[in-house]
Full PDB file with SEQRES, HELIX, SHEET, SSBOND, CRYST1, ORIGX, SCALE, CONECT and MASTER records, all heavy atoms in Angstrom:
SEQRES   1 A   36  VAL GLY LYS HIS ALA GLY GLY PHE GLN ASP GLY LEU ILE          
SEQRES   2 A   36  ASP MET SER GLY GLU GLY ALA LYS TYR THR TYR TYR SER          
SEQRES   3 A   36  GLN LEU LYS HIS LEU VAL LEU VAL ALA ASP                      
HELIX    1 AA1 GLU A   18  TYR A   22  5                                   5    
HELIX    2 AA2 TYR A   24  GLN A   27  5                                   4    
CRYST1    1.000    1.000    1.000  90.00  90.00  90.00 P 1           1          
ORIGX1      1.000000  0.000000  0.000000        0.00000                         
ORIGX2      0.000000  1.000000  0.000000        0.00000                         
ORIGX3      0.000000  0.000000  1.000000        0.00000                         
SCALE1      1.000000  0.000000  0.000000        0.00000                         
SCALE2      0.000000  1.000000  0.000000        0.00000                         
SCALE3      0.000000  0.000000  1.000000        0.00000                         
ATOM      1  N   VAL A   1      46.773  49.327  87.976  1.00  0.00           N  
ATOM      2  CA  VAL A   1      46.562  47.887  88.254  1.00  0.00           C  
ATOM      3  C   VAL A   1      45.517  47.754  89.351  1.00  0.00           C  
ATOM      4  O   VAL A   1      45.517  48.532  90.337  1.00  0.00           O  
ATOM      5  CB  VAL A   1      47.874  47.253  88.747  1.00  0.00           C  
ATOM      6  CG1 VAL A   1      47.642  45.717  89.055  1.00  0.00           C  
ATOM      7  CG2 VAL A   1      48.941  47.380  87.651  1.00  0.00           C  
ATOM      8  N   GLY A   2      44.606  46.807  89.183  1.00  0.00           N  
ATOM      9  CA  GLY A   2      43.571  46.593  90.217  1.00  0.00           C  
ATOM     10  C   GLY A   2      44.161  45.820  91.382  1.00  0.00           C  
ATOM     11  O   GLY A   2      44.994  44.914  91.220  1.00  0.00           O  
ATOM     12  N   LYS A   3      43.793  46.201  92.598  1.00  0.00           N  
ATOM     13  CA  LYS A   3      44.302  45.513  93.785  1.00  0.00           C  
ATOM     14  C   LYS A   3      43.647  44.133  93.959  1.00  0.00           C  
ATOM     15  O   LYS A   3      44.234  43.213  94.500  1.00  0.00           O  
ATOM     16  CB  LYS A   3      44.087  46.363  95.033  1.00  0.00           C  
ATOM     17  CG  LYS A   3      44.869  45.884  96.243  1.00  0.00           C  
ATOM     18  CD  LYS A   3      44.799  46.902  97.369  1.00  0.00           C  
ATOM     19  CE  LYS A   3      45.595  46.431  98.595  1.00  0.00           C  
ATOM     20  NZ  LYS A   3      47.052  46.389  98.296  1.00  0.00           N  
ATOM     21  N   HIS A   4      42.398  44.057  93.453  1.00  0.00           N  
ATOM     22  CA  HIS A   4      41.736  42.803  93.567  1.00  0.00           C  
ATOM     23  C   HIS A   4      41.000  42.459  92.259  1.00  0.00           C  
ATOM     24  O   HIS A   4      41.522  41.783  91.415  1.00  0.00           O  
ATOM     25  CB  HIS A   4      40.753  42.775  94.767  1.00  0.00           C  
ATOM     26  CG  HIS A   4      41.402  42.875  96.067  1.00  0.00           C  
ATOM     27  ND1 HIS A   4      42.243  41.907  96.510  1.00  0.00           N  
ATOM     28  CD2 HIS A   4      41.445  43.856  97.020  1.00  0.00           C  
ATOM     29  CE1 HIS A   4      42.783  42.237  97.707  1.00  0.00           C  
ATOM     30  NE2 HIS A   4      42.241  43.393  98.053  1.00  0.00           N  
ATOM     31  N   ALA A   5      39.751  42.975  92.109  1.00  0.00           N  
ATOM     32  CA  ALA A   5      38.858  42.486  91.091  1.00  0.00           C  
ATOM     33  C   ALA A   5      39.377  42.898  89.684  1.00  0.00           C  
ATOM     34  O   ALA A   5      39.662  44.015  89.400  1.00  0.00           O  
ATOM     35  CB  ALA A   5      37.456  43.076  91.305  1.00  0.00           C  
ATOM     36  N   GLY A   6      39.439  41.899  88.835  1.00  0.00           N  
ATOM     37  CA  GLY A   6      39.776  42.105  87.438  1.00  0.00           C  
ATOM     38  C   GLY A   6      38.552  41.984  86.569  1.00  0.00           C  
ATOM     39  O   GLY A   6      37.438  41.814  87.034  1.00  0.00           O  
ATOM     40  N   GLY A   7      38.746  41.977  85.278  1.00  0.00           N  
ATOM     41  CA  GLY A   7      37.632  41.851  84.351  1.00  0.00           C  
ATOM     42  C   GLY A   7      38.092  41.477  82.952  1.00  0.00           C  
ATOM     43  O   GLY A   7      39.308  41.341  82.693  1.00  0.00           O  
ATOM     44  N   PHE A   8      37.143  41.288  82.131  1.00  0.00           N  
ATOM     45  CA  PHE A   8      37.287  40.803  80.761  1.00  0.00           C  
ATOM     46  C   PHE A   8      38.323  41.623  80.006  1.00  0.00           C  
ATOM     47  O   PHE A   8      39.089  41.087  79.214  1.00  0.00           O  
ATOM     48  CB  PHE A   8      35.948  40.953  80.016  1.00  0.00           C  
ATOM     49  CG  PHE A   8      35.912  40.504  78.609  1.00  0.00           C  
ATOM     50  CD1 PHE A   8      36.043  39.139  78.311  1.00  0.00           C  
ATOM     51  CD2 PHE A   8      35.712  41.415  77.597  1.00  0.00           C  
ATOM     52  CE1 PHE A   8      35.975  38.768  76.976  1.00  0.00           C  
ATOM     53  CE2 PHE A   8      35.666  41.033  76.283  1.00  0.00           C  
ATOM     54  CZ  PHE A   8      35.747  39.674  75.936  1.00  0.00           C  
ATOM     55  N   GLN A   9      38.418  42.943  80.285  1.00  0.00           N  
ATOM     56  CA  GLN A   9      39.268  43.835  79.521  1.00  0.00           C  
ATOM     57  C   GLN A   9      40.670  44.063  80.183  1.00  0.00           C  
ATOM     58  O   GLN A   9      41.479  44.797  79.580  1.00  0.00           O  
ATOM     59  CB  GLN A   9      38.599  45.209  79.403  1.00  0.00           C  
ATOM     60  CG  GLN A   9      38.511  45.955  80.724  1.00  0.00           C  
ATOM     61  CD  GLN A   9      37.550  45.365  81.748  1.00  0.00           C  
ATOM     62  OE1 GLN A   9      36.516  44.832  81.343  1.00  0.00           O  
ATOM     63  NE2 GLN A   9      37.853  45.455  83.032  1.00  0.00           N  
ATOM     64  N   ASP A  10      40.950  43.413  81.254  1.00  0.00           N  
ATOM     65  CA  ASP A  10      42.180  43.610  81.957  1.00  0.00           C  
ATOM     66  C   ASP A  10      43.203  42.564  81.614  1.00  0.00           C  
ATOM     67  O   ASP A  10      42.897  41.469  81.186  1.00  0.00           O  
ATOM     68  CB  ASP A  10      41.958  43.614  83.447  1.00  0.00           C  
ATOM     69  CG  ASP A  10      40.949  44.621  83.951  1.00  0.00           C  
ATOM     70  OD1 ASP A  10      40.896  45.725  83.305  1.00  0.00           O  
ATOM     71  OD2 ASP A  10      40.228  44.403  84.932  1.00  0.00           O  
ATOM     72  N   GLY A  11      44.507  42.902  81.758  1.00  0.00           N  
ATOM     73  CA  GLY A  11      45.568  42.054  81.293  1.00  0.00           C  
ATOM     74  C   GLY A  11      46.723  41.856  82.236  1.00  0.00           C  
ATOM     75  O   GLY A  11      46.685  42.270  83.425  1.00  0.00           O  
ATOM     76  N   LEU A  12      47.801  41.263  81.702  1.00  0.00           N  
ATOM     77  CA  LEU A  12      48.970  40.901  82.477  1.00  0.00           C  
ATOM     78  C   LEU A  12      50.206  41.469  81.834  1.00  0.00           C  
ATOM     79  O   LEU A  12      50.288  41.526  80.591  1.00  0.00           O  
ATOM     80  CB  LEU A  12      49.037  39.374  82.623  1.00  0.00           C  
ATOM     81  CG  LEU A  12      50.232  38.743  83.317  1.00  0.00           C  
ATOM     82  CD1 LEU A  12      49.779  37.484  84.081  1.00  0.00           C  
ATOM     83  CD2 LEU A  12      51.352  38.364  82.328  1.00  0.00           C  
ATOM     84  N   ILE A  13      51.160  41.894  82.623  1.00  0.00           N  
ATOM     85  CA  ILE A  13      52.468  42.332  82.136  1.00  0.00           C  
ATOM     86  C   ILE A  13      53.566  41.653  82.980  1.00  0.00           C  
ATOM     87  O   ILE A  13      53.547  41.679  84.218  1.00  0.00           O  
ATOM     88  CB  ILE A  13      52.688  43.849  82.265  1.00  0.00           C  
ATOM     89  CG1 ILE A  13      51.725  44.583  81.354  1.00  0.00           C  
ATOM     90  CG2 ILE A  13      54.136  44.190  81.866  1.00  0.00           C  
ATOM     91  CD1 ILE A  13      51.760  46.070  81.553  1.00  0.00           C  
ATOM     92  N   ASP A  14      54.513  40.941  82.350  1.00  0.00           N  
ATOM     93  CA  ASP A  14      55.732  40.506  83.010  1.00  0.00           C  
ATOM     94  C   ASP A  14      56.874  41.402  82.603  1.00  0.00           C  
ATOM     95  O   ASP A  14      57.021  41.679  81.374  1.00  0.00           O  
ATOM     96  CB  ASP A  14      56.087  39.060  82.571  1.00  0.00           C  
ATOM     97  CG  ASP A  14      55.364  37.987  83.433  1.00  0.00           C  
ATOM     98  OD1 ASP A  14      54.608  38.380  84.319  1.00  0.00           O  
ATOM     99  OD2 ASP A  14      55.578  36.807  83.231  1.00  0.00           O  
ATOM    100  N   MET A  15      57.633  41.893  83.578  1.00  0.00           N  
ATOM    101  CA  MET A  15      58.752  42.784  83.265  1.00  0.00           C  
ATOM    102  C   MET A  15      60.046  42.093  82.920  1.00  0.00           C  
ATOM    103  O   MET A  15      61.023  42.712  82.521  1.00  0.00           O  
ATOM    104  CB  MET A  15      58.960  43.697  84.454  1.00  0.00           C  
ATOM    105  CG  MET A  15      57.796  44.663  84.738  1.00  0.00           C  
ATOM    106  SD  MET A  15      57.360  45.776  83.347  1.00  0.00           S  
ATOM    107  CE  MET A  15      58.804  46.829  83.373  1.00  0.00           C  
ATOM    108  N   SER A  16      60.058  40.761  83.025  1.00  0.00           N  
ATOM    109  CA  SER A  16      61.270  40.009  82.678  1.00  0.00           C  
ATOM    110  C   SER A  16      60.909  38.618  82.343  1.00  0.00           C  
ATOM    111  O   SER A  16      59.701  38.203  82.492  1.00  0.00           O  
ATOM    112  CB  SER A  16      62.258  39.964  83.866  1.00  0.00           C  
ATOM    113  OG  SER A  16      61.699  39.341  85.025  1.00  0.00           O  
ATOM    114  N   GLY A  17      61.811  37.865  81.784  1.00  0.00           N  
ATOM    115  CA  GLY A  17      61.586  36.479  81.455  1.00  0.00           C  
ATOM    116  C   GLY A  17      60.822  36.285  80.158  1.00  0.00           C  
ATOM    117  O   GLY A  17      60.687  37.201  79.337  1.00  0.00           O  
ATOM    118  N   GLU A  18      60.282  35.132  79.990  1.00  0.00           N  
ATOM    119  CA  GLU A  18      59.561  34.779  78.745  1.00  0.00           C  
ATOM    120  C   GLU A  18      58.426  35.721  78.441  1.00  0.00           C  
ATOM    121  O   GLU A  18      58.201  36.064  77.287  1.00  0.00           O  
ATOM    122  CB  GLU A  18      59.083  33.323  78.842  1.00  0.00           C  
ATOM    123  CG  GLU A  18      58.152  32.845  77.745  1.00  0.00           C  
ATOM    124  CD  GLU A  18      58.819  32.640  76.366  1.00  0.00           C  
ATOM    125  OE1 GLU A  18      60.097  32.662  76.364  1.00  0.00           O  
ATOM    126  OE2 GLU A  18      58.114  32.502  75.411  1.00  0.00           O  
ATOM    127  N   GLY A  19      57.677  36.078  79.481  1.00  0.00           N  
ATOM    128  CA  GLY A  19      56.472  36.897  79.266  1.00  0.00           C  
ATOM    129  C   GLY A  19      56.814  38.316  78.732  1.00  0.00           C  
ATOM    130  O   GLY A  19      55.944  38.954  78.158  1.00  0.00           O  
ATOM    131  N   ALA A  20      58.006  38.820  79.006  1.00  0.00           N  
ATOM    132  CA  ALA A  20      58.326  40.189  78.679  1.00  0.00           C  
ATOM    133  C   ALA A  20      58.311  40.428  77.209  1.00  0.00           C  
ATOM    134  O   ALA A  20      58.062  41.538  76.758  1.00  0.00           O  
ATOM    135  CB  ALA A  20      59.731  40.547  79.251  1.00  0.00           C  
ATOM    136  N   LYS A  21      58.511  39.396  76.371  1.00  0.00           N  
ATOM    137  CA  LYS A  21      58.610  39.587  74.943  1.00  0.00           C  
ATOM    138  C   LYS A  21      57.217  39.763  74.311  1.00  0.00           C  
ATOM    139  O   LYS A  21      57.147  40.184  73.149  1.00  0.00           O  
ATOM    140  CB  LYS A  21      59.346  38.434  74.269  1.00  0.00           C  
ATOM    141  CG  LYS A  21      58.544  37.155  74.224  1.00  0.00           C  
ATOM    142  CD  LYS A  21      59.383  36.044  73.582  1.00  0.00           C  
ATOM    143  CE  LYS A  21      58.605  34.773  73.420  1.00  0.00           C  
ATOM    144  NZ  LYS A  21      59.379  33.672  72.840  1.00  0.00           N  
ATOM    145  N   TYR A  22      56.163  39.567  75.058  1.00  0.00           N  
ATOM    146  CA  TYR A  22      54.823  39.577  74.480  1.00  0.00           C  
ATOM    147  C   TYR A  22      54.157  40.923  74.586  1.00  0.00           C  
ATOM    148  O   TYR A  22      53.080  41.114  74.018  1.00  0.00           O  
ATOM    149  CB  TYR A  22      53.898  38.541  75.176  1.00  0.00           C  
ATOM    150  CG  TYR A  22      54.250  37.121  74.855  1.00  0.00           C  
ATOM    151  CD1 TYR A  22      55.098  36.349  75.667  1.00  0.00           C  
ATOM    152  CD2 TYR A  22      53.749  36.534  73.696  1.00  0.00           C  
ATOM    153  CE1 TYR A  22      55.414  35.018  75.345  1.00  0.00           C  
ATOM    154  CE2 TYR A  22      54.024  35.214  73.357  1.00  0.00           C  
ATOM    155  CZ  TYR A  22      54.886  34.468  74.198  1.00  0.00           C  
ATOM    156  OH  TYR A  22      55.215  33.160  73.892  1.00  0.00           O  
ATOM    157  N   THR A  23      54.727  41.872  75.292  1.00  0.00           N  
ATOM    158  CA  THR A  23      54.103  43.197  75.363  1.00  0.00           C  
ATOM    159  C   THR A  23      55.151  44.280  75.367  1.00  0.00           C  
ATOM    160  O   THR A  23      56.189  44.168  75.986  1.00  0.00           O  
ATOM    161  CB  THR A  23      53.239  43.331  76.641  1.00  0.00           C  
ATOM    162  OG1 THR A  23      52.753  44.663  76.758  1.00  0.00           O  
ATOM    163  CG2 THR A  23      54.014  42.920  77.879  1.00  0.00           C  
ATOM    164  N   TYR A  24      54.839  45.336  74.643  1.00  0.00           N  
ATOM    165  CA  TYR A  24      55.735  46.525  74.600  1.00  0.00           C  
ATOM    166  C   TYR A  24      56.028  47.110  75.986  1.00  0.00           C  
ATOM    167  O   TYR A  24      57.074  47.665  76.189  1.00  0.00           O  
ATOM    168  CB  TYR A  24      55.076  47.598  73.702  1.00  0.00           C  
ATOM    169  CG  TYR A  24      55.854  48.908  73.651  1.00  0.00           C  
ATOM    170  CD1 TYR A  24      56.941  49.081  72.826  1.00  0.00           C  
ATOM    171  CD2 TYR A  24      55.441  50.005  74.421  1.00  0.00           C  
ATOM    172  CE1 TYR A  24      57.645  50.263  72.759  1.00  0.00           C  
ATOM    173  CE2 TYR A  24      56.091  51.177  74.376  1.00  0.00           C  
ATOM    174  CZ  TYR A  24      57.189  51.336  73.530  1.00  0.00           C  
ATOM    175  OH  TYR A  24      57.867  52.516  73.497  1.00  0.00           O  
ATOM    176  N   TYR A  25      55.086  46.958  76.892  1.00  0.00           N  
ATOM    177  CA  TYR A  25      55.166  47.623  78.176  1.00  0.00           C  
ATOM    178  C   TYR A  25      56.194  47.072  79.123  1.00  0.00           C  
ATOM    179  O   TYR A  25      56.525  47.671  80.142  1.00  0.00           O  
ATOM    180  CB  TYR A  25      53.773  47.720  78.810  1.00  0.00           C  
ATOM    181  CG  TYR A  25      52.912  48.642  77.971  1.00  0.00           C  
ATOM    182  CD1 TYR A  25      52.123  48.190  76.946  1.00  0.00           C  
ATOM    183  CD2 TYR A  25      52.962  50.012  78.218  1.00  0.00           C  
ATOM    184  CE1 TYR A  25      51.405  49.067  76.175  1.00  0.00           C  
ATOM    185  CE2 TYR A  25      52.229  50.895  77.480  1.00  0.00           C  
ATOM    186  CZ  TYR A  25      51.452  50.419  76.431  1.00  0.00           C  
ATOM    187  OH  TYR A  25      50.739  51.269  75.636  1.00  0.00           O  
ATOM    188  N   SER A  26      56.788  45.917  78.762  1.00  0.00           N  
ATOM    189  CA  SER A  26      57.942  45.423  79.562  1.00  0.00           C  
ATOM    190  C   SER A  26      59.207  46.249  79.356  1.00  0.00           C  
ATOM    191  O   SER A  26      60.132  46.149  80.111  1.00  0.00           O  
ATOM    192  CB  SER A  26      58.191  43.982  79.245  1.00  0.00           C  
ATOM    193  OG  SER A  26      58.592  43.859  77.820  1.00  0.00           O  
ATOM    194  N   GLN A  27      59.175  47.092  78.297  1.00  0.00           N  
ATOM    195  CA  GLN A  27      60.378  47.915  77.972  1.00  0.00           C  
ATOM    196  C   GLN A  27      60.388  49.258  78.704  1.00  0.00           C  
ATOM    197  O   GLN A  27      61.406  49.945  78.623  1.00  0.00           O  
ATOM    198  CB  GLN A  27      60.411  48.116  76.431  1.00  0.00           C  
ATOM    199  CG  GLN A  27      60.387  46.857  75.657  1.00  0.00           C  
ATOM    200  CD  GLN A  27      60.278  47.150  74.135  1.00  0.00           C  
ATOM    201  OE1 GLN A  27      60.968  48.057  73.633  1.00  0.00           O  
ATOM    202  NE2 GLN A  27      59.453  46.387  73.456  1.00  0.00           N  
ATOM    203  N   LEU A  28      59.285  49.598  79.323  1.00  0.00           N  
ATOM    204  CA  LEU A  28      59.195  50.936  79.930  1.00  0.00           C  
ATOM    205  C   LEU A  28      59.403  50.879  81.453  1.00  0.00           C  
ATOM    206  O   LEU A  28      59.177  49.847  82.088  1.00  0.00           O  
ATOM    207  CB  LEU A  28      57.799  51.536  79.654  1.00  0.00           C  
ATOM    208  CG  LEU A  28      57.398  51.798  78.183  1.00  0.00           C  
ATOM    209  CD1 LEU A  28      55.976  52.323  78.155  1.00  0.00           C  
ATOM    210  CD2 LEU A  28      58.331  52.740  77.502  1.00  0.00           C  
ATOM    211  N   LYS A  29      59.756  52.024  81.987  1.00  0.00           N  
ATOM    212  CA  LYS A  29      59.776  52.175  83.430  1.00  0.00           C  
ATOM    213  C   LYS A  29      58.363  52.628  83.847  1.00  0.00           C  
ATOM    214  O   LYS A  29      57.731  53.414  83.112  1.00  0.00           O  
ATOM    215  CB  LYS A  29      60.820  53.225  83.857  1.00  0.00           C  
ATOM    216  CG  LYS A  29      62.262  52.748  83.620  1.00  0.00           C  
ATOM    217  CD  LYS A  29      63.269  53.866  83.735  1.00  0.00           C  
ATOM    218  CE  LYS A  29      63.289  54.754  82.516  1.00  0.00           C  
ATOM    219  NZ  LYS A  29      63.888  54.055  81.310  1.00  0.00           N  
ATOM    220  N   HIS A  30      57.856  52.202  84.969  1.00  0.00           N  
ATOM    221  CA  HIS A  30      56.489  52.476  85.326  1.00  0.00           C  
ATOM    222  C   HIS A  30      56.371  53.001  86.776  1.00  0.00           C  
ATOM    223  O   HIS A  30      57.029  52.450  87.688  1.00  0.00           O  
ATOM    224  CB  HIS A  30      55.615  51.244  85.238  1.00  0.00           C  
ATOM    225  CG  HIS A  30      55.601  50.598  83.899  1.00  0.00           C  
ATOM    226  ND1 HIS A  30      54.948  51.132  82.806  1.00  0.00           N  
ATOM    227  CD2 HIS A  30      56.198  49.417  83.476  1.00  0.00           C  
ATOM    228  CE1 HIS A  30      55.127  50.320  81.784  1.00  0.00           C  
ATOM    229  NE2 HIS A  30      55.830  49.299  82.178  1.00  0.00           N  
ATOM    230  N   LEU A  31      55.577  54.044  86.971  1.00  0.00           N  
ATOM    231  CA  LEU A  31      55.068  54.311  88.295  1.00  0.00           C  
ATOM    232  C   LEU A  31      53.687  53.602  88.336  1.00  0.00           C  
ATOM    233  O   LEU A  31      52.794  53.951  87.586  1.00  0.00           O  
ATOM    234  CB  LEU A  31      54.847  55.790  88.528  1.00  0.00           C  
ATOM    235  CG  LEU A  31      54.348  56.166  89.966  1.00  0.00           C  
ATOM    236  CD1 LEU A  31      55.363  55.781  91.004  1.00  0.00           C  
ATOM    237  CD2 LEU A  31      53.972  57.600  90.085  1.00  0.00           C  
ATOM    238  N   VAL A  32      53.641  52.549  89.161  1.00  0.00           N  
ATOM    239  CA  VAL A  32      52.454  51.689  89.179  1.00  0.00           C  
ATOM    240  C   VAL A  32      51.531  52.045  90.293  1.00  0.00           C  
ATOM    241  O   VAL A  32      51.899  52.071  91.490  1.00  0.00           O  
ATOM    242  CB  VAL A  32      52.904  50.200  89.314  1.00  0.00           C  
ATOM    243  CG1 VAL A  32      51.677  49.302  89.261  1.00  0.00           C  
ATOM    244  CG2 VAL A  32      53.924  49.836  88.229  1.00  0.00           C  
ATOM    245  N   LEU A  33      50.278  52.368  89.890  1.00  0.00           N  
ATOM    246  CA  LEU A  33      49.234  52.631  90.910  1.00  0.00           C  
ATOM    247  C   LEU A  33      48.458  51.301  91.047  1.00  0.00           C  
ATOM    248  O   LEU A  33      47.860  50.796  90.061  1.00  0.00           O  
ATOM    249  CB  LEU A  33      48.337  53.734  90.378  1.00  0.00           C  
ATOM    250  CG  LEU A  33      46.945  53.879  91.161  1.00  0.00           C  
ATOM    251  CD1 LEU A  33      47.241  54.289  92.563  1.00  0.00           C  
ATOM    252  CD2 LEU A  33      46.073  54.878  90.480  1.00  0.00           C  
ATOM    253  N   VAL A  34      48.527  50.770  92.253  1.00  0.00           N  
ATOM    254  CA  VAL A  34      47.721  49.531  92.577  1.00  0.00           C  
ATOM    255  C   VAL A  34      46.618  50.030  93.544  1.00  0.00           C  
ATOM    256  O   VAL A  34      46.897  50.504  94.603  1.00  0.00           O  
ATOM    257  CB  VAL A  34      48.568  48.417  93.244  1.00  0.00           C  
ATOM    258  CG1 VAL A  34      47.716  47.213  93.478  1.00  0.00           C  
ATOM    259  CG2 VAL A  34      49.752  48.098  92.353  1.00  0.00           C  
ATOM    260  N   ALA A  35      45.370  49.858  93.100  1.00  0.00           N  
ATOM    261  CA  ALA A  35      44.319  50.434  93.861  1.00  0.00           C  
ATOM    262  C   ALA A  35      43.030  49.644  93.801  1.00  0.00           C  
ATOM    263  O   ALA A  35      42.874  48.745  92.910  1.00  0.00           O  
ATOM    264  CB  ALA A  35      44.011  51.880  93.365  1.00  0.00           C  
ATOM    265  N   ASP A  36      42.131  49.871  94.755  1.00  0.00           N  
ATOM    266  CA  ASP A  36      40.849  49.213  94.777  1.00  0.00           C  
ATOM    267  C   ASP A  36      39.733  50.279  94.977  1.00  0.00           C  
ATOM    268  O   ASP A  36      40.068  51.426  95.447  1.00  0.00           O  
ATOM    269  CB  ASP A  36      40.770  48.194  95.910  1.00  0.00           C  
ATOM    270  CG  ASP A  36      39.701  47.180  95.758  1.00  0.00           C  
ATOM    271  OD1 ASP A  36      39.055  47.184  94.649  1.00  0.00           O  
ATOM    272  OD2 ASP A  36      39.504  46.348  96.662  1.00  0.00           O  
TER     273      ASP A  36                                                      
MASTER        0    0    0    2    0    0    0    6  272    1    0    3          
END                                                                             
């Protein structure tokens, strides 16, 4: 995950709630790297 600047090819993941149903990745456990 980008710490700041995003771009055309970058997206969003919600791990719960309404948004979780829109992506497979809400079902996985993640070690998340947030970096700049």
